[in-house]
Amino acid sequence: MILLTPYAPHISEELWSLIGNSGSILDAAYPVFNEQYVTESAKEYPVSINGKMRTTINISLDVEADEAGKIALANEIVQKWLEGKEPKKIIFVKGKMINIVI
């Protein structure tokens, strides 16, 4: 409600009183930024097989290339597209994507 006040002050004031707050919304303290709530610990990586995106996998941001390759190869959709073949190369671009070359 407090963040909405600069854009819609009249409706914000009305809603502020309807939810049970006393006093004006203009007197309320502005929210403080907390970096803890906006830091990411994992990313959804697209997984391509021979250059075509087939699936996405949610992996931690601090994962190494060999670990990311193992996680990608363990995925059931990747297994379906590999059809039992051994990949020639696994390309892992940290923060971007995983590409498996058959």
Protein backbone atom coordinates (compact mmCIF):
# COMPACT_ATOMS: atom_id res chain seq x y z
CA MET A 1 0.00 0.00 0.00
CA ILE A 2 2.79 2.41 0.89
CA LEU A 3 4.52 1.83 -2.45
CA LEU A 4 1.27 2.48 -4.31
CA THR A 5 0.69 5.83 -2.58
CA PRO A 6 2.78 8.03 -4.94
CA TYR A 7 0.81 6.75 -7.96
CA ALA A 8 -2.69 6.51 -6.47
CA PRO A 9 -2.80 8.53 -3.25
CA HIS A 10 -6.56 8.74 -2.80
CA ILE A 11 -7.34 5.04 -3.23
CA SER A 12 -4.27 4.12 -1.14
CA GLU A 13 -5.50 6.29 1.70
CA GLU A 14 -8.96 4.73 1.46
CA LEU A 15 -7.61 1.15 1.42
CA TRP A 16 -5.22 1.97 4.27
CA SER A 17 -8.13 2.86 6.52
CA LEU A 18 -10.22 -0.12 5.33
CA ILE A 19 -7.59 -2.66 6.39
CA GLY A 20 -7.70 -1.26 9.91
CA ASN A 21 -4.80 1.17 10.12
CA SER A 22 -5.26 4.40 12.00
CA GLY A 23 -3.81 7.69 10.82
CA SER A 24 -2.72 8.65 7.34
CA ILE A 25 -0.75 6.43 4.98
CA LEU A 26 1.45 9.45 4.30
CA ASP A 27 2.75 9.18 7.87
CA ALA A 28 3.67 5.49 7.51
CA ALA A 29 7.35 4.55 7.27
CA TYR A 30 8.62 3.74 3.78
CA PRO A 31 9.81 0.12 3.38
CA VAL A 32 13.55 -0.49 3.77
CA PHE A 33 15.45 -2.41 1.08
CA ASN A 34 16.76 -5.79 2.27
CA GLU A 35 19.20 -7.45 -0.12
CA GLN A 36 18.54 -10.86 1.45
CA TYR A 37 15.20 -11.09 -0.36
CA VAL A 38 16.50 -10.29 -3.86
CA THR A 39 19.66 -12.41 -4.09
CA GLU A 40 19.36 -15.51 -6.23
CA SER A 41 20.86 -18.85 -5.26
CA ALA A 42 19.70 -20.89 -8.27
CA LYS A 43 19.02 -20.34 -11.97
CA GLU A 44 16.89 -22.13 -14.51
CA TYR A 45 19.32 -23.20 -17.24
CA PRO A 46 18.05 -24.05 -20.73
CA VAL A 47 19.42 -27.39 -21.94
CA SER A 48 20.07 -27.75 -25.67
CA ILE A 49 20.79 -30.98 -27.46
CA ASN A 50 22.64 -30.48 -30.75
CA GLY A 51 21.79 -26.78 -30.66
CA LYS A 52 18.04 -27.12 -30.10
CA MET A 53 16.56 -26.30 -26.72
CA ARG A 54 14.79 -29.32 -25.28
CA THR A 55 14.24 -28.59 -21.57
CA THR A 56 15.21 -26.42 -18.62
CA ILE A 57 16.88 -27.47 -15.36
CA ASN A 58 17.03 -25.51 -12.11
CA ILE A 59 20.67 -25.57 -10.90
CA SER A 60 22.55 -23.73 -8.15
CA LEU A 61 24.56 -20.69 -9.29
CA ASP A 62 27.79 -21.92 -7.70
CA VAL A 63 27.85 -25.24 -9.57
CA GLU A 64 30.94 -26.26 -11.59
CA ALA A 65 30.89 -27.38 -15.23
CA ASP A 66 31.37 -31.11 -14.60
CA GLU A 67 28.65 -31.16 -11.92
CA ALA A 68 26.24 -29.29 -14.21
CA GLY A 69 26.90 -31.85 -16.95
CA LYS A 70 26.11 -34.72 -14.59
CA ILE A 71 22.89 -33.06 -13.46
CA ALA A 72 21.85 -32.44 -17.07
CA LEU A 73 22.60 -36.02 -18.12
CA ALA A 74 20.55 -37.36 -15.20
CA ASN A 75 17.43 -35.50 -16.41
CA GLU A 76 14.80 -37.84 -17.90
CA ILE A 77 13.98 -35.54 -20.85
CA VAL A 78 17.67 -35.34 -21.77
CA GLN A 79 17.90 -39.15 -21.52
CA LYS A 80 14.96 -39.43 -23.92
CA TRP A 81 16.67 -37.21 -26.51
CA LEU A 82 20.04 -38.94 -26.13
CA GLU A 83 18.39 -42.30 -26.97
CA GLY A 84 21.13 -44.21 -25.16
CA LYS A 85 23.95 -42.48 -27.08
CA GLU A 86 26.99 -41.11 -25.29
CA PRO A 87 27.42 -37.33 -25.67
CA LYS A 88 30.57 -36.21 -27.48
CA LYS A 89 30.76 -32.89 -25.70
CA ILE A 90 28.96 -30.99 -22.95
CA ILE A 91 29.25 -27.21 -23.14
CA PHE A 92 28.38 -25.34 -19.94
CA VAL A 93 28.26 -21.54 -20.01
CA LYS A 94 27.95 -20.39 -16.41
CA GLY A 95 24.83 -18.33 -15.91
CA LYS A 96 23.63 -18.90 -19.49
CA MET A 97 23.01 -22.46 -20.75
CA ILE A 98 24.02 -26.10 -21.13
CA ASN A 99 24.53 -27.59 -24.60
CA ILE A 100 24.95 -31.33 -25.18
CA VAL A 101 26.50 -32.45 -28.47
CA ILE A 102 25.74 -36.00 -29.57
